[in-house]
Amino acid sequence: MMSHRAAAFAAALTMLLMPPGTNAAESSHLEELTDLSVGSFSTIEQARRDGRYGVAEAEIVRIWAERTDGHWLYQEQALLGESAARLDPAMKEKPYFARVIRSIEVAPGVVERTVHRLKDPSKGPPPR
């Protein structure tokens, strides 16, 4: 079953893929996608239902909000445990990947995302 946040993200993605002119609120697509992308995400419920899965957490925040060349996000992801029963919260401080994501509206209703992986996730987001 899809969470409310995942369903909203899917709806926003569907709107973004519509041909231009099919939605009167086209100018808000980039903002809506950005808002839905920001947050804390975890696989703990999946790990509780199925012991074959570990627990990963992702944190996504908006960075450089003052920039006018797109919407910028910073994402970190860490593996917290092999199962829901064996969690190590300290692992959140040791992300296995980090990236900066730039989203721009290239045409009405069309958003392009560029992903930049960071070589050393432990350093956090790059300075502006």
Foldseek 3Di string as FASTA:
>chain_A
DDDPLRVQLVVLVVQLPDPPPPDPPLVCSQVSNLVSVADKDWCQVVLVVPVQAFIKMKGKDWPPVVDPQFTKIKMFMFTQTSGNVDGHVVRSLVTPWMWMKGWDAPDRSHIDIDIGTDPHPNVGDDDD
